[in-house]
C-alpha cells in the first residue's frame, strides 16, 4: 500500500470514530478572540496611518522651508565692491 493510501485509511478511521466533546463556551471564546484581533488590527492600521500622515506633513513643511529644488547661489566669484 502506498503512503497516500495509508494516510487516507488513517483519516477515514479518524472520521469514523466518535468526535470528542466540544466545550460549550468555545464559540464565545472564539468570538471574543476574533474581536480582540480585529480591534488590534484596526488600532495598528490607525497608528500606521497617523504615522504616515505625520511623515508626509513633516516632509512637506521641511520642503517648504528649505526649498531643496532651488539652486544655491554661486559663491565662486567675490562680490564687486568699490566700482
C-alpha atoms as a PDB file:
ATOM      1  CA  UNK A   1       0.000   0.000   0.000  1.00  0.00           C
ATOM      2  CA  UNK A   2       1.373   3.427  -0.900  1.00  0.00           C
ATOM      3  CA  UNK A   3       1.916   6.271   1.568  1.00  0.00           C
ATOM      4  CA  UNK A   4      -1.105   8.128   0.203  1.00  0.00           C
ATOM      5  CA  UNK A   5      -3.411   5.116   0.649  1.00  0.00           C
ATOM      6  CA  UNK A   6      -2.176   4.621   4.201  1.00  0.00           C
ATOM      7  CA  UNK A   7      -2.879   8.260   5.028  1.00  0.00           C
ATOM      8  CA  UNK A   8      -6.349   8.074   3.515  1.00  0.00           C
ATOM      9  CA  UNK A   9      -7.124   4.967   5.572  1.00  0.00           C
ATOM     10  CA  UNK A  10      -5.903   6.687   8.716  1.00  0.00           C
ATOM     11  CA  UNK A  11      -8.077   9.732   8.023  1.00  0.00           C
ATOM     12  CA  UNK A  12     -11.119   7.521   7.365  1.00  0.00           C
ATOM     13  CA  UNK A  13     -10.567   5.707  10.673  1.00  0.00           C
ATOM     14  CA  UNK A  14     -10.294   9.035  12.489  1.00  0.00           C
ATOM     15  CA  UNK A  15     -13.527  10.288  10.908  1.00  0.00           C
ATOM     16  CA  UNK A  16     -15.404   7.086  11.734  1.00  0.00           C
ATOM     17  CA  UNK A  17     -14.667   7.320  15.458  1.00  0.00           C
ATOM     18  CA  UNK A  18     -16.778   9.433  17.751  1.00  0.00           C
ATOM     19  CA  UNK A  19     -15.794  13.078  17.928  1.00  0.00           C
ATOM     20  CA  UNK A  20     -14.518  14.487  21.216  1.00  0.00           C
ATOM     21  CA  UNK A  21     -16.911  16.747  23.122  1.00  0.00           C
ATOM     22  CA  UNK A  22     -16.533  20.454  22.418  1.00  0.00           C
ATOM     23  CA  UNK A  23     -16.644  22.884  25.353  1.00  0.00           C
ATOM     24  CA  UNK A  24     -19.848  24.888  25.476  1.00  0.00           C
ATOM     25  CA  UNK A  25     -18.070  28.232  25.755  1.00  0.00           C
ATOM     26  CA  UNK A  26     -15.780  27.569  22.776  1.00  0.00           C
ATOM     27  CA  UNK A  27     -17.807  29.683  20.335  1.00  0.00           C
ATOM     28  CA  UNK A  28     -17.980  32.619  22.751  1.00  0.00           C
ATOM     29  CA  UNK A  29     -14.221  32.459  23.408  1.00  0.00           C
ATOM     30  CA  UNK A  30     -13.510  32.295  19.677  1.00  0.00           C
ATOM     31  CA  UNK A  31     -15.762  35.304  19.038  1.00  0.00           C
ATOM     32  CA  UNK A  32     -14.043  37.299  21.810  1.00  0.00           C
ATOM     33  CA  UNK A  33     -10.627  36.427  20.430  1.00  0.00           C
ATOM     34  CA  UNK A  34     -11.729  37.435  16.939  1.00  0.00           C
ATOM     35  CA  UNK A  35     -12.989  40.774  18.218  1.00  0.00           C
ATOM     36  CA  UNK A  36      -9.689  41.372  20.029  1.00  0.00           C
ATOM     37  CA  UNK A  37      -7.737  40.598  16.868  1.00  0.00           C
ATOM     38  CA  UNK A  38      -9.917  42.944  14.815  1.00  0.00           C
ATOM     39  CA  UNK A  39      -9.520  45.751  17.386  1.00  0.00           C
ATOM     40  CA  UNK A  40      -5.758  45.239  17.403  1.00  0.00           C
ATOM     41  CA  UNK A  41      -5.584  45.298  13.593  1.00  0.00           C
ATOM     42  CA  UNK A  42      -7.690  48.455  13.440  1.00  0.00           C
ATOM     43  CA  UNK A  43      -5.522  50.140  16.069  1.00  0.00           C
ATOM     44  CA  UNK A  44      -2.329  49.204  14.236  1.00  0.00           C
ATOM     45  CA  UNK A  45      -3.778  50.394  10.937  1.00  0.00           C
ATOM     46  CA  UNK A  46      -4.777  53.731  12.511  1.00  0.00           C
ATOM     47  CA  UNK A  47      -1.352  54.088  14.113  1.00  0.00           C
ATOM     48  CA  UNK A  48       0.290  53.421  10.748  1.00  0.00           C
ATOM     49  CA  UNK A  49      -1.948  55.961   9.021  1.00  0.00           C
ATOM     50  CA  UNK A  50      -1.260  58.602  11.669  1.00  0.00           C
ATOM     51  CA  UNK A  51       2.490  57.948  11.424  1.00  0.00           C
ATOM     52  CA  UNK A  52       2.426  58.092   7.619  1.00  0.00           C
ATOM     53  CA  UNK A  53       0.386  61.307   7.681  1.00  0.00           C
ATOM     54  CA  UNK A  54       2.787  62.882  10.188  1.00  0.00           C
ATOM     55  CA  UNK A  55       5.737  61.899   7.993  1.00  0.00           C
ATOM     56  CA  UNK A  56       4.119  63.461   4.910  1.00  0.00           C
ATOM     57  CA  UNK A  57       3.306  66.652   6.811  1.00  0.00           C
ATOM     58  CA  UNK A  58       6.844  66.846   8.250  1.00  0.00           C
ATOM     59  CA  UNK A  59       8.362  66.340   4.792  1.00  0.00           C
ATOM     60  CA  UNK A  60       6.083  68.977   3.290  1.00  0.00           C
ATOM     61  CA  UNK A  61       6.964  71.530   5.974  1.00  0.00           C
ATOM     62  CA  UNK A  62      10.675  70.788   5.543  1.00  0.00           C
ATOM     63  CA  UNK A  63      10.423  71.124   1.764  1.00  0.00           C
ATOM     64  CA  UNK A  64       8.587  74.458   2.023  1.00  0.00           C
ATOM     65  CA  UNK A  65      11.115  75.861   4.494  1.00  0.00           C
ATOM     66  CA  UNK A  66      14.322  74.586   2.864  1.00  0.00           C
ATOM     67  CA  UNK A  67      13.177  74.650  -0.776  1.00  0.00           C
ATOM     68  CA  UNK A  68      15.663  71.995  -1.949  1.00  0.00           C
ATOM     69  CA  UNK A  69      14.612  72.412  -5.594  1.00  0.00           C
ATOM     70  CA  UNK A  70      16.236  75.868  -5.814  1.00  0.00           C
ATOM     71  CA  UNK A  71      19.838  76.093  -6.919  1.00  0.00           C
ATOM     72  CA  UNK A  72      22.052  77.573  -4.196  1.00  0.00           C
ATOM     73  CA  UNK A  73      23.717  80.869  -5.086  1.00  0.00           C
ATOM     74  CA  UNK A  74      27.140  80.565  -6.629  1.00  0.00           C
ATOM     75  CA  UNK A  75      29.898  81.715  -4.299  1.00  0.00           C
ATOM     76  CA  UNK A  76      32.861  81.259  -6.638  1.00  0.00           C
ATOM     77  CA  UNK A  77      33.363  84.939  -7.503  1.00  0.00           C
ATOM     78  CA  UNK A  78      33.856  87.690  -4.945  1.00  0.00           C
ATOM     79  CA  UNK A  79      31.315  90.490  -4.779  1.00  0.00           C
ATOM     80  CA  UNK A  80      32.162  93.655  -6.720  1.00  0.00           C
ATOM     81  CA  UNK A  81      32.578  96.463  -4.194  1.00  0.00           C
ATOM     82  CA  UNK A  82      34.011  99.903  -4.856  1.00  0.00           C
ATOM     83  CA  UNK A  83      33.312 100.268  -8.572  1.00  0.00           C
END
